[in-house]
């Protein structure tokens, strides 16, 4: 096996394309929401669409399309995708809400006193709409790739 064989792995290409494109889409999505170009959104967790979900859905569908929906790997991929999509909208979203409230508490307690630590990161999870956006985007990426590269 040589390095060029990696570029023949269609599932890997679908996964990477979905993640990269979803991260890139966060920039115009954030602009539409806030009317500010935040180029750092490319590296951000959270935002529309969920790149975690897009990556997993695209990979799962690519496994099914290229290797068969009866393949046991497809079943494992579905299970992992369900966990990650649930985590993106559930646990991580709640952690973001907790961070937001803790930051408010720090502000109230310190009442203008400079805090030496950085604020907790508040945008670490996704809204259900962002996860649905990731699901749709992941399905789209894998389907388009499969139509081009059967």
N, C-alpha and C. Protein backbone atom coordinates (compact mmCIF):
# COMPACT_ATOMS: atom_id res chain seq x y z
N UNK A 1 0.84 -1.19 0.00
CA UNK A 1 0.00 0.00 0.00
C UNK A 1 0.88 1.24 0.00
N UNK A 2 0.57 2.16 -0.89
CA UNK A 2 1.31 3.41 -0.91
C UNK A 2 0.40 4.56 -0.51
N UNK A 3 0.98 5.71 -0.37
CA UNK A 3 0.26 6.89 0.11
C UNK A 3 -0.90 7.28 -0.81
N UNK A 4 -0.76 7.05 -2.09
CA UNK A 4 -1.82 7.41 -3.03
C UNK A 4 -3.08 6.57 -2.85
N UNK A 5 -2.95 5.40 -2.23
CA UNK A 5 -4.12 4.56 -1.97
C UNK A 5 -5.11 5.27 -1.04
N UNK A 6 -4.61 6.11 -0.18
CA UNK A 6 -5.48 6.86 0.74
C UNK A 6 -6.48 7.69 -0.05
N UNK A 7 -6.06 8.23 -1.18
CA UNK A 7 -6.93 9.06 -2.00
C UNK A 7 -7.97 8.25 -2.77
N UNK A 8 -7.87 6.93 -2.71
CA UNK A 8 -8.87 6.07 -3.32
C UNK A 8 -9.94 5.63 -2.31
N UNK A 9 -9.74 5.97 -1.04
CA UNK A 9 -10.70 5.63 0.01
C UNK A 9 -11.87 6.61 -0.07
N UNK A 10 -12.92 6.19 -0.72
CA UNK A 10 -14.05 7.07 -1.00
C UNK A 10 -14.79 7.48 0.27
N UNK A 11 -14.84 6.61 1.25
CA UNK A 11 -15.48 6.96 2.52
C UNK A 11 -14.67 8.05 3.22
N UNK A 12 -13.37 7.89 3.25
CA UNK A 12 -12.52 8.91 3.86
C UNK A 12 -12.66 10.26 3.16
N UNK A 13 -12.71 10.24 1.85
CA UNK A 13 -12.87 11.48 1.08
C UNK A 13 -14.21 12.13 1.41
N UNK A 14 -15.28 11.34 1.51
CA UNK A 14 -16.60 11.88 1.85
C UNK A 14 -16.59 12.52 3.23
N UNK A 15 -15.97 11.84 4.18
CA UNK A 15 -15.90 12.34 5.55
C UNK A 15 -15.13 13.67 5.60
N UNK A 16 -13.97 13.69 4.98
CA UNK A 16 -13.15 14.90 5.01
C UNK A 16 -13.81 16.05 4.25
N UNK A 17 -14.43 15.74 3.12
CA UNK A 17 -15.12 16.78 2.35
C UNK A 17 -16.29 17.36 3.14
N UNK A 18 -17.06 16.51 3.78
CA UNK A 18 -18.20 16.99 4.57
C UNK A 18 -17.74 17.87 5.71
N UNK A 19 -16.69 17.45 6.41
CA UNK A 19 -16.19 18.25 7.54
C UNK A 19 -15.65 19.59 7.05
N UNK A 20 -14.81 19.56 6.02
CA UNK A 20 -14.18 20.78 5.51
C UNK A 20 -15.23 21.76 4.98
N UNK A 21 -16.17 21.26 4.19
CA UNK A 21 -17.21 22.14 3.63
C UNK A 21 -18.16 22.66 4.71
N UNK A 22 -18.50 21.82 5.68
CA UNK A 22 -19.37 22.28 6.78
C UNK A 22 -18.69 23.37 7.59
N UNK A 23 -17.40 23.18 7.87
CA UNK A 23 -16.66 24.22 8.61
C UNK A 23 -16.63 25.51 7.79
N UNK A 24 -16.41 25.41 6.49
CA UNK A 24 -16.37 26.60 5.63
C UNK A 24 -17.74 27.29 5.59
N UNK A 25 -18.82 26.51 5.60
CA UNK A 25 -20.17 27.09 5.56
C UNK A 25 -20.51 27.87 6.83
N UNK A 26 -19.80 27.61 7.92
CA UNK A 26 -20.07 28.33 9.16
C UNK A 26 -19.79 29.82 9.02
N UNK A 27 -18.87 30.18 8.15
CA UNK A 27 -18.49 31.59 7.98
C UNK A 27 -19.65 32.39 7.38
N UNK A 28 -20.21 32.02 6.21
CA UNK A 28 -21.35 32.79 5.70
C UNK A 28 -22.60 32.62 6.58
N UNK A 29 -22.74 31.47 7.20
CA UNK A 29 -23.88 31.27 8.10
C UNK A 29 -23.84 32.24 9.27
N UNK A 30 -22.66 32.42 9.83
CA UNK A 30 -22.50 33.37 10.94
C UNK A 30 -22.72 34.80 10.46
N UNK A 31 -22.29 35.09 9.22
CA UNK A 31 -22.51 36.43 8.67
C UNK A 31 -24.02 36.71 8.55
N UNK A 32 -24.77 35.74 8.06
CA UNK A 32 -26.22 35.92 7.93
C UNK A 32 -26.88 36.13 9.29
N UNK A 33 -26.33 35.49 10.33
CA UNK A 33 -26.88 35.61 11.67
C UNK A 33 -26.49 36.92 12.34
N UNK A 34 -25.23 37.32 12.23
CA UNK A 34 -24.73 38.47 13.00
C UNK A 34 -24.34 39.68 12.16
N UNK A 35 -24.32 39.51 10.86
CA UNK A 35 -23.88 40.57 9.94
C UNK A 35 -22.41 40.96 10.16
N UNK A 36 -21.63 39.97 10.62
CA UNK A 36 -20.19 40.16 10.80
C UNK A 36 -19.47 38.96 10.18
N UNK A 37 -18.39 39.24 9.46
CA UNK A 37 -17.57 38.17 8.91
C UNK A 37 -16.61 37.71 9.99
N UNK A 38 -16.82 36.53 10.50
CA UNK A 38 -15.94 35.95 11.52
C UNK A 38 -15.22 34.76 10.91
N UNK A 39 -14.04 35.01 10.38
CA UNK A 39 -13.29 33.98 9.69
C UNK A 39 -12.85 32.87 10.65
N UNK A 40 -12.80 33.18 11.94
CA UNK A 40 -12.42 32.18 12.94
C UNK A 40 -13.48 31.09 13.09
N UNK A 41 -14.68 31.32 12.57
CA UNK A 41 -15.73 30.29 12.63
C UNK A 41 -15.30 29.01 11.93
N UNK A 42 -14.33 29.12 11.02
CA UNK A 42 -13.85 27.91 10.34
C UNK A 42 -13.28 26.92 11.35
N UNK A 43 -12.71 27.43 12.45
CA UNK A 43 -12.09 26.57 13.45
C UNK A 43 -12.96 26.39 14.69
N UNK A 44 -14.18 26.94 14.67
CA UNK A 44 -15.03 26.94 15.85
C UNK A 44 -15.86 25.67 15.97
N UNK A 45 -16.11 25.30 17.23
CA UNK A 45 -17.11 24.28 17.52
C UNK A 45 -18.44 25.00 17.62
N UNK A 46 -19.52 24.34 17.31
CA UNK A 46 -20.82 24.99 17.30
C UNK A 46 -21.03 25.69 15.97
N UNK A 47 -22.19 26.26 15.78
CA UNK A 47 -22.51 26.96 14.54
C UNK A 47 -23.24 26.07 13.55
N UNK A 48 -23.69 26.71 12.47
CA UNK A 48 -24.50 26.05 11.45
C UNK A 48 -23.68 25.80 10.21
N UNK A 49 -23.63 24.60 9.69
CA UNK A 49 -24.22 23.36 10.17
C UNK A 49 -23.27 22.66 11.14
N UNK A 50 -23.76 21.67 11.83
CA UNK A 50 -22.91 20.87 12.71
C UNK A 50 -21.95 20.05 11.86
N UNK A 51 -20.67 20.38 11.95
CA UNK A 51 -19.69 19.65 11.14
C UNK A 51 -19.47 18.24 11.68
N UNK A 52 -19.64 18.06 13.01
CA UNK A 52 -19.53 16.71 13.58
C UNK A 52 -20.60 15.80 12.96
N UNK A 53 -21.82 16.32 12.91
CA UNK A 53 -22.92 15.53 12.38
C UNK A 53 -22.76 15.32 10.87
N UNK A 54 -22.37 16.36 10.15
CA UNK A 54 -22.17 16.24 8.70
C UNK A 54 -21.10 15.20 8.39
N UNK A 55 -20.01 15.22 9.13
CA UNK A 55 -18.93 14.27 8.94
C UNK A 55 -19.43 12.85 9.12
N UNK A 56 -20.13 12.60 10.22
CA UNK A 56 -20.59 11.24 10.52
C UNK A 56 -21.67 10.76 9.56
N UNK A 57 -22.62 11.62 9.24
CA UNK A 57 -23.69 11.22 8.33
C UNK A 57 -23.12 10.94 6.94
N UNK A 58 -22.22 11.79 6.49
CA UNK A 58 -21.60 11.59 5.18
C UNK A 58 -20.82 10.27 5.15
N UNK A 59 -20.06 10.01 6.19
CA UNK A 59 -19.29 8.77 6.25
C UNK A 59 -20.20 7.55 6.31
N UNK A 60 -21.25 7.64 7.09
CA UNK A 60 -22.18 6.52 7.22
C UNK A 60 -22.86 6.21 5.89
N UNK A 61 -23.36 7.25 5.24
CA UNK A 61 -24.01 7.04 3.94
C UNK A 61 -23.00 6.54 2.91
N UNK A 62 -21.78 7.05 2.94
CA UNK A 62 -20.75 6.60 2.00
C UNK A 62 -20.44 5.12 2.20
N UNK A 63 -20.38 4.66 3.45
CA UNK A 63 -20.18 3.23 3.71
C UNK A 63 -21.31 2.43 3.07
N UNK A 64 -22.54 2.89 3.27
CA UNK A 64 -23.69 2.19 2.69
C UNK A 64 -23.66 2.19 1.18
N UNK A 65 -23.37 3.33 0.58
CA UNK A 65 -23.38 3.42 -0.88
C UNK A 65 -22.25 2.64 -1.53
N UNK A 66 -21.05 2.72 -0.96
CA UNK A 66 -19.89 2.07 -1.57
C UNK A 66 -19.69 0.62 -1.16
N UNK A 67 -20.14 0.24 0.04
CA UNK A 67 -19.86 -1.10 0.56
C UNK A 67 -21.11 -1.90 0.88
N UNK A 68 -22.27 -1.28 0.75
CA UNK A 68 -23.52 -1.99 0.96
C UNK A 68 -24.16 -1.66 2.30
N UNK A 69 -25.47 -1.51 2.25
CA UNK A 69 -26.22 -1.20 3.46
C UNK A 69 -26.40 -2.43 4.35
N UNK A 70 -26.02 -3.60 3.82
CA UNK A 70 -26.06 -4.81 4.63
C UNK A 70 -24.71 -5.12 5.27
N UNK A 71 -23.73 -4.28 5.04
CA UNK A 71 -22.39 -4.43 5.61
C UNK A 71 -22.44 -4.12 7.10
N UNK A 72 -21.84 -4.97 7.94
CA UNK A 72 -21.85 -4.70 9.38
C UNK A 72 -21.22 -3.35 9.75
N UNK A 73 -20.27 -2.90 8.96
CA UNK A 73 -19.65 -1.59 9.23
C UNK A 73 -20.69 -0.48 9.11
N UNK A 74 -21.64 -0.63 8.20
CA UNK A 74 -22.71 0.35 8.08
C UNK A 74 -23.51 0.42 9.38
N UNK A 75 -23.80 -0.72 9.97
CA UNK A 75 -24.54 -0.74 11.24
C UNK A 75 -23.78 -0.04 12.35
N UNK A 76 -22.49 -0.29 12.44
CA UNK A 76 -21.66 0.38 13.45
C UNK A 76 -21.63 1.88 13.18
N UNK A 77 -21.53 2.27 11.92
CA UNK A 77 -21.49 3.68 11.56
C UNK A 77 -22.80 4.38 11.93
N UNK A 78 -23.92 3.72 11.72
CA UNK A 78 -25.22 4.29 12.10
C UNK A 78 -25.25 4.53 13.61
N UNK A 79 -24.81 3.55 14.38
CA UNK A 79 -24.81 3.69 15.84
C UNK A 79 -23.93 4.85 16.28
N UNK A 80 -22.71 4.93 15.74
CA UNK A 80 -21.80 6.02 16.10
C UNK A 80 -22.37 7.38 15.69
N UNK A 81 -23.01 7.43 14.53
CA UNK A 81 -23.62 8.68 14.05
C UNK A 81 -24.73 9.13 14.99
N UNK A 82 -25.55 8.19 15.43
CA UNK A 82 -26.63 8.53 16.35
C UNK A 82 -26.08 9.10 17.65
N UNK A 83 -25.03 8.50 18.17
CA UNK A 83 -24.43 8.98 19.42
C UNK A 83 -23.86 10.38 19.24
N UNK A 84 -23.15 10.60 18.16
CA UNK A 84 -22.51 11.90 17.94
C UNK A 84 -23.54 12.99 17.68
N UNK A 85 -24.59 12.70 16.91
CA UNK A 85 -25.64 13.69 16.67
C UNK A 85 -26.36 14.04 17.97
N UNK A 86 -26.65 13.03 18.77
CA UNK A 86 -27.29 13.28 20.06
C UNK A 86 -26.39 14.10 20.97
N UNK A 87 -25.11 13.76 21.00
CA UNK A 87 -24.15 14.48 21.83
C UNK A 87 -24.00 15.93 21.37
N UNK A 88 -23.98 16.14 20.04
CA UNK A 88 -23.81 17.50 19.51
C UNK A 88 -24.93 18.43 19.96
N UNK A 89 -26.15 17.91 20.00
CA UNK A 89 -27.30 18.74 20.36
C UNK A 89 -27.64 18.63 21.84
N UNK A 90 -27.15 17.61 22.51
CA UNK A 90 -27.54 17.38 23.90
C UNK A 90 -26.48 17.80 24.89
N UNK A 91 -25.56 16.90 25.14
CA UNK A 91 -24.56 17.10 26.18
C UNK A 91 -23.72 18.35 25.92
N UNK A 92 -23.22 18.49 24.70
CA UNK A 92 -22.36 19.64 24.40
C UNK A 92 -23.14 20.95 24.46
N UNK A 93 -24.39 20.93 24.05
CA UNK A 93 -25.22 22.14 24.12
C UNK A 93 -25.44 22.54 25.57
N UNK A 94 -25.72 21.56 26.42
CA UNK A 94 -25.91 21.86 27.84
C UNK A 94 -24.62 22.38 28.47
N UNK A 95 -23.49 21.83 28.08
CA UNK A 95 -22.21 22.34 28.59
C UNK A 95 -22.02 23.80 28.20
N UNK A 96 -22.43 24.16 26.99
CA UNK A 96 -22.36 25.55 26.55
C UNK A 96 -23.26 26.45 27.37
N UNK A 97 -24.46 25.98 27.68
CA UNK A 97 -25.38 26.76 28.51
C UNK A 97 -24.82 26.94 29.91
N UNK A 98 -24.22 25.89 30.46
CA UNK A 98 -23.60 26.00 31.78
C UNK A 98 -22.47 27.02 31.75
N UNK A 99 -21.63 26.97 30.72
CA UNK A 99 -20.53 27.93 30.60
C UNK A 99 -21.06 29.36 30.53
N UNK A 100 -22.15 29.55 29.80
CA UNK A 100 -22.75 30.88 29.69
C UNK A 100 -23.19 31.40 31.07
N UNK A 101 -23.85 30.56 31.82
CA UNK A 101 -24.34 30.96 33.15
C UNK A 101 -23.21 31.17 34.14
N UNK A 102 -22.18 30.34 34.06
CA UNK A 102 -21.02 30.52 34.94
C UNK A 102 -20.31 31.83 34.63
N UNK A 103 -20.20 32.18 33.34
CA UNK A 103 -19.59 33.45 32.96
C UNK A 103 -20.38 34.62 33.53
N UNK A 104 -21.72 34.55 33.49
CA UNK A 104 -22.55 35.60 34.08
C UNK A 104 -22.31 35.67 35.59
N UNK A 105 -22.22 34.53 36.22
CA UNK A 105 -21.96 34.48 37.65
C UNK A 105 -20.62 35.13 37.99
N UNK A 106 -19.59 34.82 37.21
CA UNK A 106 -18.29 35.46 37.43
C UNK A 106 -18.40 36.97 37.31
N UNK A 107 -19.11 37.43 36.27
CA UNK A 107 -19.27 38.87 36.08
C UNK A 107 -19.98 39.51 37.27
N UNK A 108 -21.02 38.85 37.78
CA UNK A 108 -21.76 39.39 38.92
C UNK A 108 -20.91 39.37 40.18
N UNK A 109 -20.19 38.29 40.41
CA UNK A 109 -19.38 38.18 41.62
C UNK A 109 -18.21 39.15 41.61
N UNK A 110 -17.61 39.30 40.49
CA UNK A 110 -16.43 40.15 40.41
C UNK A 110 -16.79 41.63 40.23
N UNK A 111 -17.97 41.90 39.73
CA UNK A 111 -18.49 43.26 39.54
C UNK A 111 -17.44 44.23 39.02
N UNK A 112 -16.96 43.91 37.83
CA UNK A 112 -16.01 44.79 37.18
C UNK A 112 -14.55 44.46 37.47
N UNK A 113 -14.28 43.59 38.40
CA UNK A 113 -12.91 43.21 38.69
C UNK A 113 -12.39 42.32 37.57
N UNK A 114 -11.19 42.60 37.08
CA UNK A 114 -10.62 41.81 35.99
C UNK A 114 -10.36 40.38 36.46
N UNK A 115 -10.81 39.44 35.69
CA UNK A 115 -10.61 38.03 35.99
C UNK A 115 -9.38 37.57 35.22
N UNK A 116 -8.49 36.88 35.87
CA UNK A 116 -7.24 36.50 35.23
C UNK A 116 -7.39 35.33 34.26
N UNK A 117 -8.44 34.53 34.42
CA UNK A 117 -8.66 33.39 33.53
C UNK A 117 -9.56 33.81 32.37
N UNK A 118 -9.43 33.11 31.25
CA UNK A 118 -10.32 33.35 30.11
C UNK A 118 -11.72 32.88 30.47
N UNK A 119 -12.72 33.53 29.88
CA UNK A 119 -14.10 33.07 30.07
C UNK A 119 -14.23 31.65 29.55
N UNK A 120 -15.15 30.92 30.13
CA UNK A 120 -15.44 29.58 29.63
C UNK A 120 -16.02 29.67 28.23
N UNK A 121 -15.70 28.71 27.41
CA UNK A 121 -16.21 28.71 26.04
C UNK A 121 -17.70 28.36 26.06
N UNK A 122 -18.51 29.26 25.51
CA UNK A 122 -19.96 29.10 25.58
C UNK A 122 -20.56 28.40 24.38
N UNK A 123 -19.94 28.50 23.22
CA UNK A 123 -20.52 27.93 22.02
C UNK A 123 -19.79 26.63 21.71
N UNK A 124 -20.14 25.56 22.43
CA UNK A 124 -19.49 24.29 22.18
C UNK A 124 -20.46 23.23 21.70
N UNK A 125 -21.74 23.53 21.70
CA UNK A 125 -22.74 22.57 21.25
C UNK A 125 -23.58 23.16 20.15
N UNK A 126 -24.54 22.38 19.71
CA UNK A 126 -25.39 22.79 18.60
C UNK A 126 -26.85 22.82 19.01
N UNK A 127 -27.59 23.68 18.34
CA UNK A 127 -29.04 23.65 18.48
C UNK A 127 -29.55 22.47 17.65
N UNK A 128 -30.75 22.01 17.91
CA UNK A 128 -31.29 20.92 17.07
C UNK A 128 -31.31 21.29 15.58
N UNK A 129 -31.58 22.55 15.27
CA UNK A 129 -31.60 22.99 13.86
C UNK A 129 -30.20 22.85 13.24
N UNK A 130 -29.16 23.16 13.98
CA UNK A 130 -27.80 23.03 13.45
C UNK A 130 -27.45 21.56 13.21
N UNK A 131 -27.94 20.68 14.08
CA UNK A 131 -27.71 19.24 13.89
C UNK A 131 -28.47 18.75 12.66
N UNK A 132 -29.70 19.19 12.50
CA UNK A 132 -30.48 18.82 11.30
C UNK A 132 -29.78 19.35 10.05
N UNK A 133 -29.24 20.56 10.13
CA UNK A 133 -28.46 21.10 9.02
C UNK A 133 -27.26 20.22 8.70
N UNK A 134 -26.59 19.72 9.73
CA UNK A 134 -25.47 18.82 9.53
C UNK A 134 -25.89 17.50 8.90
N UNK A 135 -27.03 16.98 9.33
CA UNK A 135 -27.55 15.73 8.75
C UNK A 135 -27.83 15.91 7.27
N UNK A 136 -28.55 16.97 6.93
CA UNK A 136 -28.88 17.23 5.53
C UNK A 136 -27.62 17.46 4.70
N UNK A 137 -26.69 18.23 5.25
CA UNK A 137 -25.46 18.53 4.53
C UNK A 137 -24.64 17.27 4.32
N UNK A 138 -24.54 16.42 5.34
CA UNK A 138 -23.79 15.17 5.22
C UNK A 138 -24.40 14.25 4.16
N UNK A 139 -25.73 14.16 4.15
CA UNK A 139 -26.40 13.36 3.13
C UNK A 139 -26.12 13.90 1.73
N UNK A 140 -26.15 15.22 1.60
CA UNK A 140 -25.90 15.87 0.32
C UNK A 140 -24.47 15.61 -0.17
N UNK A 141 -23.49 15.79 0.70
CA UNK A 141 -22.09 15.60 0.31
C UNK A 141 -21.85 14.17 -0.16
N UNK A 142 -22.29 13.19 0.62
CA UNK A 142 -22.05 11.78 0.25
C UNK A 142 -22.80 11.42 -1.03
N UNK A 143 -24.01 11.91 -1.19
CA UNK A 143 -24.78 11.60 -2.39
C UNK A 143 -24.14 12.21 -3.64
N UNK A 144 -23.74 13.47 -3.56
CA UNK A 144 -23.09 14.12 -4.71
C UNK A 144 -21.79 13.41 -5.05
N UNK A 145 -20.99 13.08 -4.03
CA UNK A 145 -19.74 12.38 -4.30
C UNK A 145 -20.02 11.04 -4.97
N UNK A 146 -20.99 10.30 -4.48
CA UNK A 146 -21.32 8.98 -5.06
C UNK A 146 -21.80 9.11 -6.49
N UNK A 147 -22.57 10.16 -6.79
CA UNK A 147 -23.06 10.37 -8.15
C UNK A 147 -21.89 10.69 -9.10
N UNK A 148 -20.88 11.38 -8.59
CA UNK A 148 -19.72 11.74 -9.42
C UNK A 148 -18.72 10.60 -9.49
N UNK A 149 -18.52 9.91 -8.37
CA UNK A 149 -17.44 8.92 -8.24
C UNK A 149 -17.98 7.59 -7.78
N UNK A 150 -18.69 6.87 -8.69
CA UNK A 150 -19.30 5.58 -8.34
C UNK A 150 -18.27 4.54 -8.26
